[in-house]
Amino acid sequence: MLLSPLQLRLYVGLLVAIAEVNELSETIKRRFPIVFQRLAPMFLVENVDEAVAWYRDILEAKLQHSLPEIPPFEWASLLPGDIEIMLSQKKAAQQWYSDEVPVSETPANLIAYIYVKHADSLYDRIKGKAKIIMEPIDQSYGIREFAIQDPFGFILIFAQILE
C-alpha cells in the first residue's frame, strides 16, 4: 500500500511529534527529578487517644493535627522533635484507603529507626516509663542505639551517630 503525499507528510509529522514529546518528557524528568522529602510512619492502633497520650508523655511529642479536632480521635499526627509519627484507628485506615490495608491484632513487622542527638539523655528520660528491648550500646558501625517497645507493640530504635 502506497501512501499519498499528504498521508506521508502526516505520518512523518506524527513521528516528529512523538519524538518531540519523548524528548520533552526526558527534559522534564531531568529538570524535575523525583525527590523523596520525608517519611512519616502511620501506626495503626485500636485507641488513638491512648497512643497520643503515651507518645506525648514518654517522647514529649506535640499534637500537630487530628481528626476530628477534639477527642476521640480517629487519626493524629504527632511531632516528637522534627519527625512526624501518625497514628490511625485501625478500622478508620481501612475505610480511608482500602479494605486491602491489613489490620491485625499485632503490629506489622516494622521497626521505626529514629535518629536522635543525645541518645543517652533520651534513654535516661524514658527508662522506667517504656519497655526497654535493648539497652544503649555502641555498635561497630558508628551508632549508639537503644530500643523500646510502645504499649501497642511497635518497636522504636533510637540511634545517635557517634562522632
C-alpha atoms as a PDB file:
ATOM      1  CA  MET A   1       0.000   0.000   0.000  1.00  0.00           C
ATOM      2  CA  LEU A   2       1.436   3.323  -1.036  1.00  0.00           C
ATOM      3  CA  LEU A   3       0.784   6.478   0.941  1.00  0.00           C
ATOM      4  CA  SER A   4      -0.313   9.636  -0.757  1.00  0.00           C
ATOM      5  CA  PRO A   5       1.993  12.652  -0.339  1.00  0.00           C
ATOM      6  CA  LEU A   6      -0.469  14.115   2.203  1.00  0.00           C
ATOM      7  CA  GLN A   7      -0.616  10.866   4.193  1.00  0.00           C
ATOM      8  CA  LEU A   8       3.170  10.619   4.069  1.00  0.00           C
ATOM      9  CA  ARG A   9       3.558  14.190   5.397  1.00  0.00           C
ATOM     10  CA  LEU A  10       1.036  13.492   8.159  1.00  0.00           C
ATOM     11  CA  TYR A  11       2.823  10.244   9.076  1.00  0.00           C
ATOM     12  CA  VAL A  12       6.245  11.956   9.184  1.00  0.00           C
ATOM     13  CA  GLY A  13       4.737  14.835  11.167  1.00  0.00           C
ATOM     14  CA  LEU A  14       3.303  12.342  13.665  1.00  0.00           C
ATOM     15  CA  LEU A  15       6.693  10.648  14.056  1.00  0.00           C
ATOM     16  CA  VAL A  16       8.377  14.015  14.614  1.00  0.00           C
ATOM     17  CA  ALA A  17       5.716  14.955  17.194  1.00  0.00           C
ATOM     18  CA  ILE A  18       6.213  11.644  19.027  1.00  0.00           C
ATOM     19  CA  ALA A  19       9.994  12.206  19.091  1.00  0.00           C
ATOM     20  CA  GLU A  20       9.499  15.742  20.413  1.00  0.00           C
ATOM     21  CA  VAL A  21       7.143  14.506  23.145  1.00  0.00           C
ATOM     22  CA  ASN A  22       9.680  11.844  24.165  1.00  0.00           C
ATOM     23  CA  GLU A  23      12.448  14.471  24.235  1.00  0.00           C
ATOM     24  CA  LEU A  24      10.243  16.826  26.270  1.00  0.00           C
ATOM     25  CA  SER A  25       9.449  14.001  28.690  1.00  0.00           C
ATOM     26  CA  GLU A  26      13.164  13.364  29.230  1.00  0.00           C
ATOM     27  CA  THR A  27      13.785  17.094  29.726  1.00  0.00           C
ATOM     28  CA  ILE A  28      11.023  17.241  32.339  1.00  0.00           C
ATOM     29  CA  LYS A  29      12.478  14.224  34.126  1.00  0.00           C
ATOM     30  CA  ARG A  30      15.924  15.862  34.227  1.00  0.00           C
ATOM     31  CA  ARG A  31      14.548  19.241  35.258  1.00  0.00           C
ATOM     32  CA  PHE A  32      12.107  17.921  37.864  1.00  0.00           C
ATOM     33  CA  PRO A  33      13.616  14.739  39.305  1.00  0.00           C
ATOM     34  CA  ILE A  34      11.647  12.853  41.909  1.00  0.00           C
ATOM     35  CA  VAL A  35      12.952  13.815  45.325  1.00  0.00           C
ATOM     36  CA  PHE A  36      11.765  11.967  48.390  1.00  0.00           C
ATOM     37  CA  GLN A  37      11.425  14.508  51.175  1.00  0.00           C
ATOM     38  CA  ARG A  38      10.495  12.673  54.368  1.00  0.00           C
ATOM     39  CA  LEU A  39       8.929   9.568  55.799  1.00  0.00           C
ATOM     40  CA  ALA A  40       6.070   9.631  58.293  1.00  0.00           C
ATOM     41  CA  PRO A  41       5.113   6.174  59.525  1.00  0.00           C
ATOM     42  CA  MET A  42       1.454   5.627  60.333  1.00  0.00           C
ATOM     43  CA  PHE A  43       0.919   3.203  63.192  1.00  0.00           C
ATOM     44  CA  LEU A  44      -2.476   1.504  63.233  1.00  0.00           C
ATOM     45  CA  VAL A  45      -3.824   1.241  66.778  1.00  0.00           C
ATOM     46  CA  GLU A  46      -7.117   0.422  68.455  1.00  0.00           C
ATOM     47  CA  ASN A  47      -7.252   3.616  70.505  1.00  0.00           C
ATOM     48  CA  VAL A  48      -5.654   6.736  69.053  1.00  0.00           C
ATOM     49  CA  ASP A  49      -6.307   8.778  72.218  1.00  0.00           C
ATOM     50  CA  GLU A  50      -4.274   6.343  74.332  1.00  0.00           C
ATOM     51  CA  ALA A  51      -1.467   6.328  71.768  1.00  0.00           C
ATOM     52  CA  VAL A  52      -1.397  10.139  71.616  1.00  0.00           C
ATOM     53  CA  ALA A  53      -1.168  10.293  75.413  1.00  0.00           C
ATOM     54  CA  TRP A  54       1.667   7.748  75.517  1.00  0.00           C
ATOM     55  CA  TYR A  55       3.752   9.445  72.830  1.00  0.00           C
ATOM     56  CA  ARG A  56       3.103  12.841  74.442  1.00  0.00           C
ATOM     57  CA  ASP A  57       4.064  11.642  77.929  1.00  0.00           C
ATOM     58  CA  ILE A  58       7.033   9.438  77.004  1.00  0.00           C
ATOM     59  CA  LEU A  59       8.538  11.130  73.940  1.00  0.00           C
ATOM     60  CA  GLU A  60       7.206  14.644  74.593  1.00  0.00           C
ATOM     61  CA  ALA A  61       5.513  14.576  71.179  1.00  0.00           C
ATOM     62  CA  LYS A  62       3.380  17.545  70.236  1.00  0.00           C
ATOM     63  CA  LEU A  63      -0.029  17.028  68.651  1.00  0.00           C
ATOM     64  CA  GLN A  64       0.223  18.607  65.195  1.00  0.00           C
ATOM     65  CA  HIS A  65      -3.115  17.624  63.595  1.00  0.00           C
ATOM     66  CA  SER A  66      -6.001  15.332  64.417  1.00  0.00           C
ATOM     67  CA  LEU A  67      -9.268  14.072  63.007  1.00  0.00           C
ATOM     68  CA  PRO A  68     -11.564  15.139  64.426  1.00  0.00           C
ATOM     69  CA  GLU A  69     -10.001  18.153  66.124  1.00  0.00           C
ATOM     70  CA  ILE A  70     -11.126  17.028  69.600  1.00  0.00           C
ATOM     71  CA  PRO A  71     -11.107  13.507  71.081  1.00  0.00           C
ATOM     72  CA  PRO A  72     -11.989  10.802  70.491  1.00  0.00           C
ATOM     73  CA  PHE A  73      -9.501  10.820  67.614  1.00  0.00           C
ATOM     74  CA  GLU A  74      -9.565   8.558  64.559  1.00  0.00           C
ATOM     75  CA  TRP A  75      -6.217   9.890  63.349  1.00  0.00           C
ATOM     76  CA  ALA A  76      -3.446  12.079  64.740  1.00  0.00           C
ATOM     77  CA  SER A  77      -0.129  13.484  63.598  1.00  0.00           C
ATOM     78  CA  LEU A  78       2.496  13.884  66.315  1.00  0.00           C
ATOM     79  CA  LEU A  79       5.832  15.656  66.308  1.00  0.00           C
ATOM     80  CA  PRO A  80       8.457  14.289  68.656  1.00  0.00           C
ATOM     81  CA  GLY A  81      11.109  16.847  67.718  1.00  0.00           C
ATOM     82  CA  ASP A  82      11.497  17.241  63.951  1.00  0.00           C
ATOM     83  CA  ILE A  83       9.976  13.909  62.912  1.00  0.00           C
ATOM     84  CA  GLU A  84       6.359  13.005  62.309  1.00  0.00           C
ATOM     85  CA  ILE A  85       4.560   9.927  63.570  1.00  0.00           C
ATOM     86  CA  MET A  86       0.979   9.364  62.519  1.00  0.00           C
ATOM     87  CA  LEU A  87      -1.491   7.255  64.438  1.00  0.00           C
ATOM     88  CA  SER A  88      -4.694   5.890  62.962  1.00  0.00           C
ATOM     89  CA  GLN A  89      -7.535   3.861  64.348  1.00  0.00           C
ATOM     90  CA  LYS A  90      -7.283   0.513  62.519  1.00  0.00           C
ATOM     91  CA  LYS A  91     -10.776   0.416  61.024  1.00  0.00           C
ATOM     92  CA  ALA A  92     -10.618   4.096  60.015  1.00  0.00           C
ATOM     93  CA  ALA A  93      -7.466   3.419  57.960  1.00  0.00           C
ATOM     94  CA  GLN A  94      -9.262   0.670  56.074  1.00  0.00           C
ATOM     95  CA  GLN A  95     -12.210   2.967  55.369  1.00  0.00           C
ATOM     96  CA  TRP A  96      -9.976   5.792  54.120  1.00  0.00           C
ATOM     97  CA  TYR A  97      -7.574   3.804  51.989  1.00  0.00           C
ATOM     98  CA  SER A  98      -8.807   0.346  51.126  1.00  0.00           C
ATOM     99  CA  ASP A  99     -10.062  -2.882  52.598  1.00  0.00           C
ATOM    100  CA  GLU A 100      -6.693  -4.168  51.387  1.00  0.00           C
ATOM    101  CA  VAL A 101      -4.944  -2.318  54.232  1.00  0.00           C
ATOM    102  CA  PRO A 102      -4.011  -5.193  56.523  1.00  0.00           C
ATOM    103  CA  VAL A 103      -5.361  -4.899  60.034  1.00  0.00           C
ATOM    104  CA  SER A 104      -4.269  -7.461  62.566  1.00  0.00           C
ATOM    105  CA  GLU A 105      -4.180  -7.907  66.299  1.00  0.00           C
ATOM    106  CA  THR A 106      -0.413  -7.471  66.316  1.00  0.00           C
ATOM    107  CA  PRO A 107       1.560  -4.636  64.708  1.00  0.00           C
ATOM    108  CA  ALA A 108       3.165  -5.086  61.322  1.00  0.00           C
ATOM    109  CA  ASN A 109       6.748  -6.305  61.142  1.00  0.00           C
ATOM    110  CA  LEU A 110       8.200  -2.839  61.273  1.00  0.00           C
ATOM    111  CA  ILE A 111      10.954  -1.239  63.281  1.00  0.00           C
ATOM    112  CA  ALA A 112      10.975   2.549  63.319  1.00  0.00           C
ATOM    113  CA  TYR A 113      14.622   3.625  63.319  1.00  0.00           C
ATOM    114  CA  ILE A 114      14.785   7.180  64.639  1.00  0.00           C
ATOM    115  CA  TYR A 115      17.969   9.236  64.596  1.00  0.00           C
ATOM    116  CA  VAL A 116      18.426  11.472  67.627  1.00  0.00           C
ATOM    117  CA  LYS A 117      21.007  13.627  69.310  1.00  0.00           C
ATOM    118  CA  HIS A 118      21.949  12.673  72.869  1.00  0.00           C
ATOM    119  CA  ALA A 119      20.618   9.101  72.887  1.00  0.00           C
ATOM    120  CA  ASP A 120      21.728   8.590  76.481  1.00  0.00           C
ATOM    121  CA  SER A 121      19.737  11.605  77.691  1.00  0.00           C
ATOM    122  CA  LEU A 122      16.645  10.307  75.930  1.00  0.00           C
ATOM    123  CA  TYR A 123      17.211   6.854  77.388  1.00  0.00           C
ATOM    124  CA  ASP A 124      17.554   8.287  80.909  1.00  0.00           C
ATOM    125  CA  ARG A 125      14.332  10.237  80.453  1.00  0.00           C
ATOM    126  CA  ILE A 126      12.208   7.296  79.298  1.00  0.00           C
ATOM    127  CA  LYS A 127      13.665   4.293  81.133  1.00  0.00           C
ATOM    128  CA  GLY A 128      11.127   3.001  83.626  1.00  0.00           C
ATOM    129  CA  LYS A 129       8.321   4.511  81.502  1.00  0.00           C
ATOM    130  CA  ALA A 130       8.681   2.287  78.427  1.00  0.00           C
ATOM    131  CA  LYS A 131       9.512  -1.352  77.820  1.00  0.00           C
ATOM    132  CA  ILE A 132      13.237  -1.494  77.044  1.00  0.00           C
ATOM    133  CA  ILE A 133      14.066  -4.001  74.314  1.00  0.00           C
ATOM    134  CA  MET A 134      17.769  -3.145  74.045  1.00  0.00           C
ATOM    135  CA  GLU A 135      19.918  -1.116  76.441  1.00  0.00           C
ATOM    136  CA  PRO A 136      22.109   1.644  74.947  1.00  0.00           C
ATOM    137  CA  ILE A 137      25.057   0.161  73.102  1.00  0.00           C
ATOM    138  CA  ASP A 138      27.799   1.447  70.818  1.00  0.00           C
ATOM    139  CA  GLN A 139      27.587  -0.522  67.587  1.00  0.00           C
ATOM    140  CA  SER A 140      30.571  -1.337  65.365  1.00  0.00           C
ATOM    141  CA  TYR A 141      29.042   0.756  62.568  1.00  0.00           C
ATOM    142  CA  GLY A 142      29.422   4.018  64.500  1.00  0.00           C
ATOM    143  CA  ILE A 143      25.970   4.286  66.060  1.00  0.00           C
ATOM    144  CA  ARG A 144      24.914   4.353  69.704  1.00  0.00           C
ATOM    145  CA  GLU A 145      21.398   2.969  69.907  1.00  0.00           C
ATOM    146  CA  PHE A 146      18.736   1.567  72.164  1.00  0.00           C
ATOM    147  CA  ALA A 147      15.296   0.114  71.508  1.00  0.00           C
ATOM    148  CA  ILE A 148      11.904   0.267  73.187  1.00  0.00           C
ATOM    149  CA  GLN A 149       8.502  -1.225  72.541  1.00  0.00           C
ATOM    150  CA  ASP A 150       5.481   1.014  72.874  1.00  0.00           C
ATOM    151  CA  PRO A 151       2.319  -0.313  74.587  1.00  0.00           C
ATOM    152  CA  PHE A 152       0.825  -1.005  71.158  1.00  0.00           C
ATOM    153  CA  GLY A 153       3.610  -3.400  70.120  1.00  0.00           C
ATOM    154  CA  PHE A 154       5.662  -1.131  67.848  1.00  0.00           C
ATOM    155  CA  ILE A 155       9.449  -1.229  68.144  1.00  0.00           C
ATOM    156  CA  LEU A 156      11.292   2.084  68.161  1.00  0.00           C
ATOM    157  CA  ILE A 157      15.073   2.212  67.882  1.00  0.00           C
ATOM    158  CA  PHE A 158      16.726   5.492  68.796  1.00  0.00           C
ATOM    159  CA  ALA A 159      20.119   5.948  67.181  1.00  0.00           C
ATOM    160  CA  GLN A 160      22.831   8.554  67.627  1.00  0.00           C
ATOM    161  CA  ILE A 161      25.648   8.846  65.126  1.00  0.00           C
ATOM    162  CA  LEU A 162      28.926   8.713  67.024  1.00  0.00           C
ATOM    163  CA  GLU A 163      31.489  11.284  66.012  1.00  0.00           C
END
